[in-house]
């Protein structure tokens, strides 16, 4: 009997790999690091703000990957479901605490805004998934937020990042985690919240000023 995986199986596996490379905590960590390096001058609150933001927006949510460890469970679908649920629990717990801590220590404005964005997007996804009973894509939302933030702040110089949006859609559809419209809904939710929060925090579009 042949053990060579089918094209569908390979595509699904590759889609899952790409999904994890573009998962929410990793994208958040990359975005926060970029903003930290772009902050003008040297101030102690820059470093402390960055470290606290990384803890609550990247490292704690990233712990959901431990739930991929099979243990006694051998059903791959159950493992994926367990990991997704753990991810939402960690995010809805960690993001609001992070937002509160960053505001209390008066971290740079961009870190505070990002924490609020991630909190509101997570709440929005929970409402859509649990109460509207529509499976909006958290991966698409997690990619759209950083991409839209960069385009909003830096203009068309950041436009090449938009290619990540169809890439994450392809990955989620290939991994059979979502359909196209579910990724569109997730990305649209993130887009609306990201632009609204950045505007509310006083960031002007296409200026690139983040302090």
N, C-alpha and C. Protein backbone atom coordinates (compact mmCIF):
# COMPACT_ATOMS: atom_id res chain seq x y z
N UNK A 1 0.84 -1.20 0.00
CA UNK A 1 0.00 0.00 0.00
C UNK A 1 0.88 1.24 0.00
N UNK A 2 0.57 2.19 -0.86
CA UNK A 2 1.37 3.40 -0.98
C UNK A 2 1.14 4.30 0.23
N UNK A 3 2.25 4.84 0.76
CA UNK A 3 2.16 5.78 1.88
C UNK A 3 2.48 7.20 1.44
N UNK A 4 2.59 7.40 0.13
CA UNK A 4 2.89 8.73 -0.39
C UNK A 4 1.66 9.62 -0.19
N UNK A 5 1.82 10.79 0.47
CA UNK A 5 0.66 11.64 0.72
C UNK A 5 0.08 12.18 -0.58
N UNK A 6 -1.22 12.33 -0.63
CA UNK A 6 -1.89 12.87 -1.81
C UNK A 6 -1.62 14.36 -1.94
N UNK A 7 -1.96 14.90 -3.11
CA UNK A 7 -1.78 16.34 -3.34
C UNK A 7 -2.61 17.15 -2.35
N UNK A 8 -3.81 16.66 -2.04
CA UNK A 8 -4.68 17.37 -1.09
C UNK A 8 -4.06 17.38 0.30
N UNK A 9 -3.49 16.25 0.70
CA UNK A 9 -2.86 16.16 2.02
C UNK A 9 -1.65 17.07 2.11
N UNK A 10 -0.83 17.07 1.04
CA UNK A 10 0.36 17.93 1.04
C UNK A 10 -0.04 19.40 1.07
N UNK A 11 -1.07 19.74 0.29
CA UNK A 11 -1.52 21.13 0.27
C UNK A 11 -2.05 21.56 1.63
N UNK A 12 -2.79 20.66 2.27
CA UNK A 12 -3.32 20.98 3.59
C UNK A 12 -2.20 21.15 4.61
N UNK A 13 -1.20 20.29 4.55
CA UNK A 13 -0.06 20.38 5.46
C UNK A 13 0.70 21.68 5.23
N UNK A 14 0.94 22.02 3.96
CA UNK A 14 1.67 23.24 3.65
C UNK A 14 0.87 24.47 4.07
N UNK A 15 -0.46 24.39 3.88
CA UNK A 15 -1.32 25.49 4.31
C UNK A 15 -1.26 25.70 5.81
N UNK A 16 -1.20 24.59 6.56
CA UNK A 16 -1.12 24.69 8.02
C UNK A 16 0.23 25.27 8.45
N UNK A 17 1.29 24.90 7.75
CA UNK A 17 2.62 25.44 8.07
C UNK A 17 2.66 26.95 7.83
N UNK A 18 2.15 27.38 6.68
CA UNK A 18 2.11 28.82 6.37
C UNK A 18 1.24 29.55 7.38
N UNK A 19 0.12 28.94 7.77
CA UNK A 19 -0.76 29.55 8.76
C UNK A 19 -0.03 29.80 10.07
N UNK A 20 0.78 28.84 10.50
CA UNK A 20 1.50 28.99 11.76
C UNK A 20 2.64 30.00 11.65
N UNK A 21 3.23 30.12 10.48
CA UNK A 21 4.26 31.14 10.28
C UNK A 21 3.65 32.54 10.32
N UNK A 22 2.37 32.62 9.95
CA UNK A 22 1.67 33.91 9.94
C UNK A 22 0.72 34.03 11.12
N UNK A 23 0.93 33.24 12.18
CA UNK A 23 -0.04 33.27 13.27
C UNK A 23 0.04 34.58 14.05
N UNK A 24 -0.98 34.83 14.85
CA UNK A 24 -1.16 36.14 15.48
C UNK A 24 0.02 36.56 16.37
N UNK A 25 0.50 35.72 17.30
CA UNK A 25 1.60 36.17 18.16
C UNK A 25 2.89 36.48 17.38
N UNK A 26 3.19 35.68 16.37
CA UNK A 26 4.41 35.94 15.59
C UNK A 26 4.30 37.26 14.85
N UNK A 27 3.16 37.51 14.21
CA UNK A 27 2.95 38.78 13.51
C UNK A 27 3.01 39.95 14.49
N UNK A 28 2.43 39.76 15.68
CA UNK A 28 2.47 40.83 16.69
C UNK A 28 3.90 41.11 17.12
N UNK A 29 4.69 40.06 17.34
CA UNK A 29 6.08 40.25 17.74
C UNK A 29 6.90 40.98 16.70
N UNK A 30 6.70 40.64 15.43
CA UNK A 30 7.41 41.32 14.34
C UNK A 30 7.02 42.79 14.29
N UNK A 31 5.71 43.07 14.40
CA UNK A 31 5.23 44.45 14.33
C UNK A 31 5.77 45.27 15.50
N UNK A 32 5.70 44.74 16.71
CA UNK A 32 6.18 45.46 17.88
C UNK A 32 7.68 45.74 17.79
N UNK A 33 8.43 44.77 17.31
CA UNK A 33 9.88 44.96 17.17
C UNK A 33 10.19 46.03 16.15
N UNK A 34 9.46 46.04 15.04
CA UNK A 34 9.65 47.08 14.03
C UNK A 34 9.38 48.46 14.62
N UNK A 35 8.27 48.61 15.34
CA UNK A 35 7.94 49.90 15.93
C UNK A 35 8.97 50.31 16.98
N UNK A 36 9.44 49.35 17.75
CA UNK A 36 10.46 49.66 18.77
C UNK A 36 11.72 50.22 18.10
N UNK A 37 12.13 49.62 17.01
CA UNK A 37 13.33 50.08 16.31
C UNK A 37 13.12 51.42 15.63
N UNK A 38 11.87 51.78 15.37
CA UNK A 38 11.56 53.04 14.69
C UNK A 38 11.28 54.19 15.66
N UNK A 39 11.16 53.88 16.96
CA UNK A 39 10.90 54.95 17.91
C UNK A 39 12.09 55.91 17.96
N UNK A 40 11.83 57.20 17.90
CA UNK A 40 12.93 58.17 17.88
C UNK A 40 13.61 58.31 19.24
N UNK A 41 14.93 58.44 19.24
CA UNK A 41 15.66 58.69 20.46
C UNK A 41 15.68 57.48 21.39
N UNK A 42 16.26 57.68 22.56
CA UNK A 42 16.34 56.62 23.56
C UNK A 42 15.66 57.08 24.83
N UNK A 43 14.69 56.34 25.27
CA UNK A 43 14.01 56.60 26.53
C UNK A 43 13.76 55.28 27.23
N UNK A 44 13.82 55.28 28.55
CA UNK A 44 13.66 54.03 29.29
C UNK A 44 12.29 53.42 29.08
N UNK A 45 11.27 54.28 28.87
CA UNK A 45 9.93 53.73 28.69
C UNK A 45 9.79 52.99 27.36
N UNK A 46 10.68 53.28 26.41
CA UNK A 46 10.67 52.55 25.15
C UNK A 46 10.97 51.07 25.39
N UNK A 47 12.03 50.81 26.15
CA UNK A 47 12.45 49.43 26.39
C UNK A 47 11.43 48.70 27.27
N UNK A 48 11.03 49.32 28.37
CA UNK A 48 10.07 48.66 29.26
C UNK A 48 8.73 48.44 28.54
N UNK A 49 8.30 49.43 27.77
CA UNK A 49 7.06 49.29 27.02
C UNK A 49 7.14 48.16 26.01
N UNK A 50 8.26 48.08 25.33
CA UNK A 50 8.46 47.02 24.33
C UNK A 50 8.45 45.64 24.99
N UNK A 51 9.15 45.50 26.11
CA UNK A 51 9.25 44.20 26.78
C UNK A 51 7.88 43.76 27.32
N UNK A 52 7.14 44.69 27.92
CA UNK A 52 5.82 44.34 28.42
C UNK A 52 4.87 44.00 27.27
N UNK A 53 4.96 44.77 26.19
CA UNK A 53 4.11 44.51 25.03
C UNK A 53 4.42 43.14 24.44
N UNK A 54 5.70 42.81 24.34
CA UNK A 54 6.10 41.51 23.79
C UNK A 54 5.60 40.37 24.69
N UNK A 55 5.64 40.59 26.00
CA UNK A 55 5.19 39.55 26.93
C UNK A 55 3.71 39.25 26.72
N UNK A 56 2.89 40.30 26.73
CA UNK A 56 1.44 40.10 26.72
C UNK A 56 0.85 39.90 25.32
N UNK A 57 1.53 40.40 24.29
CA UNK A 57 0.97 40.32 22.94
C UNK A 57 1.63 39.25 22.08
N UNK A 58 2.77 38.76 22.52
CA UNK A 58 3.48 37.76 21.72
C UNK A 58 3.75 36.49 22.52
N UNK A 59 4.50 36.59 23.60
CA UNK A 59 4.99 35.40 24.30
C UNK A 59 3.89 34.60 24.97
N UNK A 60 3.00 35.28 25.70
CA UNK A 60 1.92 34.54 26.38
C UNK A 60 0.98 33.88 25.36
N UNK A 61 0.48 34.61 24.35
CA UNK A 61 -0.38 33.95 23.34
C UNK A 61 0.34 32.83 22.59
N UNK A 62 1.65 32.96 22.41
CA UNK A 62 2.41 31.94 21.69
C UNK A 62 2.42 30.61 22.43
N UNK A 63 2.15 30.65 23.72
CA UNK A 63 2.12 29.41 24.51
C UNK A 63 1.02 28.45 24.03
N UNK A 64 0.08 28.96 23.25
CA UNK A 64 -0.97 28.07 22.73
C UNK A 64 -0.40 26.98 21.83
N UNK A 65 0.80 27.20 21.29
CA UNK A 65 1.42 26.19 20.44
C UNK A 65 1.73 24.91 21.21
N UNK A 66 1.88 25.01 22.53
CA UNK A 66 2.12 23.80 23.33
C UNK A 66 0.92 22.85 23.26
N UNK A 67 -0.25 23.39 22.93
CA UNK A 67 -1.44 22.55 22.86
C UNK A 67 -1.48 21.72 21.58
N UNK A 68 -0.48 21.90 20.71
CA UNK A 68 -0.33 21.01 19.56
C UNK A 68 0.30 19.67 19.97
N UNK A 69 0.91 19.63 21.17
CA UNK A 69 1.51 18.39 21.65
C UNK A 69 0.39 17.36 21.84
N UNK A 70 0.45 16.24 21.16
CA UNK A 70 -0.70 15.32 21.13
C UNK A 70 -1.11 14.76 22.48
N UNK A 71 -0.12 14.35 23.30
CA UNK A 71 -0.48 13.67 24.54
C UNK A 71 -1.20 12.37 24.21
N UNK A 72 -2.33 12.13 24.87
CA UNK A 72 -3.10 10.92 24.60
C UNK A 72 -4.01 11.06 23.38
N UNK A 73 -4.19 12.31 22.93
CA UNK A 73 -5.07 12.56 21.79
C UNK A 73 -4.34 12.31 20.49
N UNK A 74 -4.92 11.49 19.62
CA UNK A 74 -4.30 11.20 18.33
C UNK A 74 -5.10 11.76 17.16
N UNK A 75 -6.29 12.27 17.45
CA UNK A 75 -7.14 12.83 16.42
C UNK A 75 -6.66 14.24 16.08
N UNK A 76 -6.18 14.43 14.85
CA UNK A 76 -5.59 15.71 14.47
C UNK A 76 -6.60 16.85 14.54
N UNK A 77 -7.86 16.59 14.18
CA UNK A 77 -8.88 17.62 14.23
C UNK A 77 -9.11 18.08 15.67
N UNK A 78 -9.12 17.14 16.60
CA UNK A 78 -9.31 17.50 18.01
C UNK A 78 -8.13 18.31 18.52
N UNK A 79 -6.92 17.97 18.06
CA UNK A 79 -5.73 18.71 18.47
C UNK A 79 -5.79 20.14 17.96
N UNK A 80 -6.16 20.32 16.68
CA UNK A 80 -6.28 21.66 16.10
C UNK A 80 -7.34 22.47 16.84
N UNK A 81 -8.47 21.83 17.14
CA UNK A 81 -9.55 22.53 17.85
C UNK A 81 -9.10 22.94 19.25
N UNK A 82 -8.39 22.07 19.93
CA UNK A 82 -7.89 22.36 21.27
C UNK A 82 -6.92 23.53 21.23
N UNK A 83 -6.04 23.55 20.23
CA UNK A 83 -5.07 24.63 20.12
C UNK A 83 -5.76 25.97 19.84
N UNK A 84 -6.76 25.96 18.95
CA UNK A 84 -7.47 27.19 18.62
C UNK A 84 -8.20 27.74 19.84
N UNK A 85 -8.82 26.85 20.60
CA UNK A 85 -9.53 27.29 21.80
C UNK A 85 -8.55 27.86 22.82
N UNK A 86 -7.43 27.18 23.03
CA UNK A 86 -6.40 27.68 23.96
C UNK A 86 -5.88 29.03 23.51
N UNK A 87 -5.73 29.19 22.20
CA UNK A 87 -5.23 30.46 21.66
C UNK A 87 -6.18 31.60 22.01
N UNK A 88 -7.48 31.40 21.82
CA UNK A 88 -8.45 32.45 22.14
C UNK A 88 -8.47 32.75 23.63
N UNK A 89 -8.38 31.71 24.47
CA UNK A 89 -8.40 31.92 25.92
C UNK A 89 -7.18 32.74 26.35
N UNK A 90 -6.02 32.37 25.83
CA UNK A 90 -4.79 33.10 26.20
C UNK A 90 -4.84 34.54 25.70
N UNK A 91 -5.36 34.74 24.49
CA UNK A 91 -5.40 36.10 23.93
C UNK A 91 -6.38 36.98 24.67
N UNK A 92 -7.59 36.49 24.93
CA UNK A 92 -8.59 37.32 25.59
C UNK A 92 -8.22 37.59 27.04
N UNK A 93 -7.33 36.79 27.59
CA UNK A 93 -6.82 37.04 28.94
C UNK A 93 -5.62 37.98 28.91
N UNK A 94 -4.70 37.73 27.99
CA UNK A 94 -3.43 38.45 27.97
C UNK A 94 -3.54 39.87 27.41
N UNK A 95 -4.29 40.03 26.33
CA UNK A 95 -4.34 41.35 25.68
C UNK A 95 -4.90 42.46 26.57
N UNK A 96 -6.05 42.25 27.23
CA UNK A 96 -6.55 43.33 28.09
C UNK A 96 -5.61 43.65 29.25
N UNK A 97 -5.00 42.61 29.84
CA UNK A 97 -4.04 42.87 30.92
C UNK A 97 -2.86 43.67 30.37
N UNK A 98 -2.39 43.29 29.20
CA UNK A 98 -1.29 44.02 28.58
C UNK A 98 -1.65 45.46 28.30
N UNK A 99 -2.86 45.69 27.80
CA UNK A 99 -3.30 47.06 27.52
C UNK A 99 -3.32 47.89 28.80
N UNK A 100 -3.80 47.29 29.88
CA UNK A 100 -3.85 48.00 31.17
C UNK A 100 -2.45 48.31 31.66
N UNK A 101 -1.56 47.32 31.62
CA UNK A 101 -0.19 47.54 32.09
C UNK A 101 0.51 48.62 31.27
N UNK A 102 0.36 48.57 29.96
CA UNK A 102 1.03 49.54 29.09
C UNK A 102 0.51 50.96 29.34
N UNK A 103 -0.77 51.09 29.64
CA UNK A 103 -1.30 52.42 29.96
C UNK A 103 -0.81 52.90 31.33
N UNK A 104 -0.72 51.97 32.29
CA UNK A 104 -0.28 52.36 33.63
C UNK A 104 1.18 52.81 33.64
N UNK A 105 2.03 52.17 32.84
CA UNK A 105 3.45 52.54 32.82
C UNK A 105 3.74 53.64 31.81
N UNK A 106 2.66 54.13 31.15
CA UNK A 106 2.80 55.19 30.15
C UNK A 106 3.79 54.80 29.05
N UNK A 107 3.59 53.61 28.53
CA UNK A 107 4.41 53.12 27.42
C UNK A 107 4.18 53.98 26.18
N UNK A 108 5.09 53.93 25.23
CA UNK A 108 4.88 54.68 23.99
C UNK A 108 3.49 54.46 23.42
N UNK A 109 2.96 55.52 22.85
CA UNK A 109 1.57 55.51 22.37
C UNK A 109 1.28 54.39 21.39
N UNK A 110 2.24 54.06 20.54
CA UNK A 110 2.01 53.03 19.54
C UNK A 110 1.81 51.66 20.19
N UNK A 111 2.52 51.38 21.27
CA UNK A 111 2.35 50.10 21.97
C UNK A 111 0.97 50.03 22.62
N UNK A 112 0.55 51.15 23.22
CA UNK A 112 -0.77 51.19 23.85
C UNK A 112 -1.87 50.99 22.82
N UNK A 113 -1.71 51.63 21.68
CA UNK A 113 -2.71 51.50 20.61
C UNK A 113 -2.78 50.07 20.10
N UNK A 114 -1.62 49.44 19.93
CA UNK A 114 -1.60 48.06 19.44
C UNK A 114 -2.29 47.11 20.41
N UNK A 115 -2.07 47.32 21.70
CA UNK A 115 -2.69 46.45 22.70
C UNK A 115 -4.21 46.58 22.67
N UNK A 116 -4.70 47.80 22.49
CA UNK A 116 -6.14 48.02 22.39
C UNK A 116 -6.69 47.38 21.12
N UNK A 117 -5.98 47.52 20.01
CA UNK A 117 -6.42 46.92 18.75
C UNK A 117 -6.55 45.41 18.89
N UNK A 118 -5.52 44.77 19.43
CA UNK A 118 -5.55 43.32 19.56
C UNK A 118 -6.66 42.87 20.52
N UNK A 119 -6.90 43.65 21.57
CA UNK A 119 -7.98 43.31 22.51
C UNK A 119 -9.33 43.38 21.82
N UNK A 120 -9.59 44.48 21.10
CA UNK A 120 -10.89 44.68 20.46
C UNK A 120 -11.12 43.68 19.33
N UNK A 121 -10.07 43.37 18.57
CA UNK A 121 -10.22 42.39 17.49
C UNK A 121 -10.57 41.02 18.07
N UNK A 122 -9.90 40.65 19.15
CA UNK A 122 -10.19 39.35 19.78
C UNK A 122 -11.62 39.31 20.30
N UNK A 123 -12.08 40.38 20.93
CA UNK A 123 -13.46 40.45 21.41
C UNK A 123 -14.42 40.35 20.22
N UNK A 124 -14.10 41.06 19.13
CA UNK A 124 -14.95 41.01 17.95
C UNK A 124 -15.04 39.62 17.36
N UNK A 125 -13.92 38.91 17.32
CA UNK A 125 -13.92 37.54 16.79
C UNK A 125 -14.75 36.60 17.67
N UNK A 126 -14.64 36.78 18.97
CA UNK A 126 -15.41 35.94 19.89
C UNK A 126 -16.91 36.18 19.70
N UNK A 127 -17.29 37.45 19.56
CA UNK A 127 -18.70 37.78 19.35
C UNK A 127 -19.21 37.16 18.05
N UNK A 128 -18.43 37.30 16.98
CA UNK A 128 -18.85 36.76 15.68
C UNK A 128 -18.93 35.24 15.73
N UNK A 129 -17.93 34.61 16.34
CA UNK A 129 -17.88 33.15 16.36
C UNK A 129 -18.89 32.53 17.31
N UNK A 130 -19.03 33.12 18.50
CA UNK A 130 -19.85 32.49 19.53
C UNK A 130 -21.30 32.92 19.49
N UNK A 131 -21.55 34.17 19.12
CA UNK A 131 -22.92 34.68 19.19
C UNK A 131 -23.58 34.81 17.81
N UNK A 132 -22.78 35.16 16.81
CA UNK A 132 -23.32 35.21 15.45
C UNK A 132 -23.22 33.83 14.80
N UNK A 133 -22.37 32.99 15.37
CA UNK A 133 -22.16 31.62 14.88
C UNK A 133 -21.61 31.62 13.45
N UNK A 134 -20.66 32.53 13.22
CA UNK A 134 -19.96 32.57 11.93
C UNK A 134 -18.48 32.43 12.22
N UNK A 135 -17.82 31.54 11.52
CA UNK A 135 -16.44 31.19 11.82
C UNK A 135 -15.46 32.15 11.14
N UNK A 136 -15.40 33.38 11.64
CA UNK A 136 -14.46 34.36 11.09
C UNK A 136 -13.03 33.94 11.40
N UNK A 137 -12.12 34.22 10.48
CA UNK A 137 -10.75 33.74 10.60
C UNK A 137 -9.90 34.63 11.51
N UNK A 138 -9.41 34.05 12.60
CA UNK A 138 -8.48 34.77 13.46
C UNK A 138 -7.13 34.97 12.81
N UNK A 139 -6.70 33.99 11.99
CA UNK A 139 -5.43 34.14 11.30
C UNK A 139 -5.47 35.34 10.34
N UNK A 140 -6.57 35.45 9.59
CA UNK A 140 -6.69 36.58 8.65
C UNK A 140 -6.73 37.90 9.40
N UNK A 141 -7.43 37.93 10.53
CA UNK A 141 -7.48 39.15 11.34
C UNK A 141 -6.09 39.48 11.88
N UNK A 142 -5.36 38.45 12.30
CA UNK A 142 -4.02 38.66 12.86
C UNK A 142 -3.00 39.12 11.84
N UNK A 143 -3.23 38.82 10.58
CA UNK A 143 -2.35 39.31 9.52
C UNK A 143 -2.79 40.70 9.06
N UNK A 144 -4.10 40.89 8.94
CA UNK A 144 -4.61 42.17 8.44
C UNK A 144 -4.26 43.33 9.36
N UNK A 145 -4.30 43.10 10.69
CA UNK A 145 -4.00 44.18 11.63
C UNK A 145 -2.63 44.80 11.41
N UNK A 146 -1.55 44.01 11.47
CA UNK A 146 -0.22 44.56 11.21
C UNK A 146 -0.07 45.17 9.82
N UNK A 147 -0.62 44.50 8.80
CA UNK A 147 -0.49 45.01 7.43
C UNK A 147 -1.18 46.37 7.30
N UNK A 148 -2.41 46.47 7.79
CA UNK A 148 -3.15 47.72 7.70
C UNK A 148 -2.48 48.80 8.55
N UNK A 149 -1.94 48.43 9.70
CA UNK A 149 -1.21 49.40 10.53
C UNK A 149 -0.05 50.00 9.76
N UNK A 150 0.71 49.16 9.10
CA UNK A 150 1.87 49.64 8.35
C UNK A 150 1.46 50.52 7.18
N UNK A 151 0.43 50.12 6.46
CA UNK A 151 -0.02 50.93 5.31
C UNK A 151 -0.61 52.25 5.81
N UNK A 152 -1.37 52.20 6.89
CA UNK A 152 -1.96 53.42 7.44
C UNK A 152 -0.88 54.41 7.88
N UNK A 153 0.15 53.90 8.55
CA UNK A 153 1.17 54.78 9.11
C UNK A 153 2.21 55.23 8.09
N UNK A 154 2.57 54.32 7.14
CA UNK A 154 3.69 54.61 6.25
C UNK A 154 3.30 54.76 4.79
N UNK A 155 2.04 54.57 4.47
CA UNK A 155 1.60 54.79 3.10
C UNK A 155 1.99 53.67 2.15
N UNK A 156 2.12 54.01 0.89
CA UNK A 156 2.29 53.00 -0.14
C UNK A 156 3.65 52.34 -0.12
N UNK A 157 4.60 52.88 0.65
CA UNK A 157 5.88 52.19 0.79
C UNK A 157 5.67 50.83 1.46
N UNK A 158 4.60 50.73 2.24
CA UNK A 158 4.29 49.46 2.92
C UNK A 158 3.30 48.60 2.13
N UNK A 159 2.88 49.08 0.96
CA UNK A 159 1.87 48.38 0.17
C UNK A 159 2.25 46.94 -0.19
N UNK A 160 3.56 46.63 -0.45
CA UNK A 160 3.89 45.23 -0.77
C UNK A 160 3.45 44.23 0.31
N UNK A 161 3.27 44.71 1.54
CA UNK A 161 2.82 43.81 2.61
C UNK A 161 1.40 43.30 2.37
N UNK A 162 0.66 43.98 1.51
CA UNK A 162 -0.72 43.57 1.23
C UNK A 162 -0.78 42.17 0.63
N UNK A 163 0.34 41.72 0.05
CA UNK A 163 0.38 40.37 -0.53
C UNK A 163 0.14 39.30 0.54
N UNK A 164 0.39 39.65 1.80
CA UNK A 164 0.17 38.69 2.89
C UNK A 164 -1.31 38.35 3.07
N UNK A 165 -2.19 39.25 2.65
CA UNK A 165 -3.62 39.00 2.83
C UNK A 165 -4.12 37.84 1.96
N UNK A 166 -3.87 37.86 0.64
CA UNK A 166 -4.26 36.67 -0.14
C UNK A 166 -3.47 35.42 0.25
N UNK A 167 -2.23 35.61 0.74
CA UNK A 167 -1.44 34.45 1.16
C UNK A 167 -2.08 33.75 2.35
N UNK A 168 -2.52 34.53 3.34
CA UNK A 168 -3.14 33.90 4.51
C UNK A 168 -4.50 33.29 4.15
N UNK A 169 -5.20 33.90 3.20
CA UNK A 169 -6.45 33.30 2.72
C UNK A 169 -6.18 31.95 2.08
N UNK A 170 -5.17 31.91 1.21
CA UNK A 170 -4.81 30.63 0.58
C UNK A 170 -4.43 29.60 1.62
N UNK A 171 -3.66 30.01 2.62
CA UNK A 171 -3.19 29.07 3.64
C UNK A 171 -4.36 28.51 4.45
N UNK A 172 -5.30 29.37 4.83
CA UNK A 172 -6.41 28.90 5.66
C UNK A 172 -7.36 28.01 4.86
N UNK A 173 -7.58 28.36 3.59
CA UNK A 173 -8.45 27.53 2.75
C UNK A 173 -7.77 26.18 2.47
N UNK A 174 -6.47 26.22 2.20
CA UNK A 174 -5.74 24.98 1.92
C UNK A 174 -5.69 24.08 3.15
N UNK A 175 -5.58 24.68 4.33
CA UNK A 175 -5.55 23.91 5.57
C UNK A 175 -6.94 23.46 6.00
N UNK A 176 -7.95 23.86 5.21
CA UNK A 176 -9.35 23.53 5.50
C UNK A 176 -9.80 24.07 6.85
N UNK A 177 -9.20 25.21 7.25
CA UNK A 177 -9.61 25.85 8.48
C UNK A 177 -10.73 26.83 8.26
N UNK A 178 -10.78 27.43 7.06
CA UNK A 178 -11.79 28.44 6.75
C UNK A 178 -12.05 28.43 5.25
N UNK A 179 -13.15 29.10 4.86
CA UNK A 179 -13.35 29.38 3.44
C UNK A 179 -12.95 30.82 3.16
N UNK A 180 -13.03 31.22 1.92
CA UNK A 180 -12.55 32.54 1.52
C UNK A 180 -13.29 33.65 2.26
N UNK A 181 -14.61 33.54 2.34
CA UNK A 181 -15.39 34.62 2.96
C UNK A 181 -15.13 34.72 4.45
N UNK A 182 -14.83 33.64 5.09
CA UNK A 182 -14.50 33.68 6.52
C UNK A 182 -13.19 34.43 6.76
N UNK A 183 -12.25 34.30 5.83
CA UNK A 183 -11.01 35.08 5.96
C UNK A 183 -11.27 36.55 5.66
N UNK A 184 -12.17 36.82 4.71
CA UNK A 184 -12.50 38.21 4.37
C UNK A 184 -13.15 38.90 5.57
N UNK A 185 -14.06 38.20 6.24
CA UNK A 185 -14.73 38.77 7.42
C UNK A 185 -13.72 39.06 8.53
N UNK A 186 -12.83 38.11 8.79
CA UNK A 186 -11.82 38.32 9.81
C UNK A 186 -10.91 39.49 9.50
N UNK A 187 -10.47 39.58 8.25
CA UNK A 187 -9.58 40.67 7.85
C UNK A 187 -10.31 42.01 7.89
N UNK A 188 -11.58 42.02 7.48
CA UNK A 188 -12.36 43.27 7.46
C UNK A 188 -12.58 43.79 8.88
N UNK A 189 -12.88 42.89 9.80
CA UNK A 189 -13.03 43.27 11.20
C UNK A 189 -11.76 43.94 11.72
N UNK A 190 -10.63 43.32 11.43
CA UNK A 190 -9.35 43.85 11.88
C UNK A 190 -9.05 45.19 11.23
N UNK A 191 -9.37 45.32 9.95
CA UNK A 191 -9.13 46.58 9.23
C UNK A 191 -9.90 47.73 9.88
N UNK A 192 -11.19 47.51 10.13
CA UNK A 192 -12.03 48.57 10.70
C UNK A 192 -11.55 48.98 12.08
N UNK A 193 -11.25 47.99 12.93
CA UNK A 193 -10.81 48.30 14.29
C UNK A 193 -9.44 48.96 14.28
N UNK A 194 -8.53 48.47 13.45
CA UNK A 194 -7.17 49.03 13.41
C UNK A 194 -7.18 50.50 13.01
N UNK A 195 -7.87 50.83 11.95
CA UNK A 195 -7.92 52.22 11.49
C UNK A 195 -8.61 53.11 12.52
N UNK A 196 -9.68 52.60 13.12
CA UNK A 196 -10.43 53.39 14.11
C UNK A 196 -9.58 53.69 15.34
N UNK A 197 -8.86 52.69 15.84
CA UNK A 197 -8.05 52.88 17.05
C UNK A 197 -6.86 53.79 16.76
N UNK A 198 -6.18 53.56 15.65
CA UNK A 198 -5.04 54.42 15.32
C UNK A 198 -5.49 55.87 15.18
N UNK A 199 -6.62 56.09 14.53
CA UNK A 199 -7.16 57.44 14.41
C UNK A 199 -7.52 57.99 15.78
N UNK A 200 -8.14 57.14 16.63
CA UNK A 200 -8.53 57.59 17.95
C UNK A 200 -7.35 57.96 18.83
N UNK A 201 -6.21 57.32 18.61
CA UNK A 201 -5.00 57.65 19.37
C UNK A 201 -4.22 58.81 18.75
N UNK A 202 -4.75 59.40 17.71
CA UNK A 202 -4.15 60.59 17.13
C UNK A 202 -3.10 60.35 16.07
N UNK A 203 -2.97 59.12 15.57
CA UNK A 203 -2.00 58.85 14.52
C UNK A 203 -2.56 59.30 13.17
N UNK A 204 -1.76 60.08 12.46
CA UNK A 204 -2.18 60.55 11.15
C UNK A 204 -1.76 59.56 10.08
N UNK A 205 -2.58 59.36 9.05
CA UNK A 205 -2.21 58.41 8.00
C UNK A 205 -1.04 58.89 7.16
N UNK A 206 -0.18 57.94 6.79
CA UNK A 206 0.92 58.12 5.84
C UNK A 206 2.02 59.06 6.35
N UNK A 207 2.03 59.36 7.66
CA UNK A 207 3.04 60.26 8.20
C UNK A 207 4.22 59.51 8.78
N UNK A 208 3.97 58.33 9.34
CA UNK A 208 5.05 57.51 9.88
C UNK A 208 5.50 57.93 11.26
N UNK A 209 4.75 58.81 11.92
CA UNK A 209 5.11 59.25 13.27
C UNK A 209 4.44 58.33 14.28
N UNK A 210 5.22 57.64 15.09
CA UNK A 210 4.65 56.63 15.98
C UNK A 210 4.91 56.89 17.46
N UNK A 211 5.60 57.96 17.81
CA UNK A 211 5.87 58.20 19.23
C UNK A 211 4.74 58.96 19.88
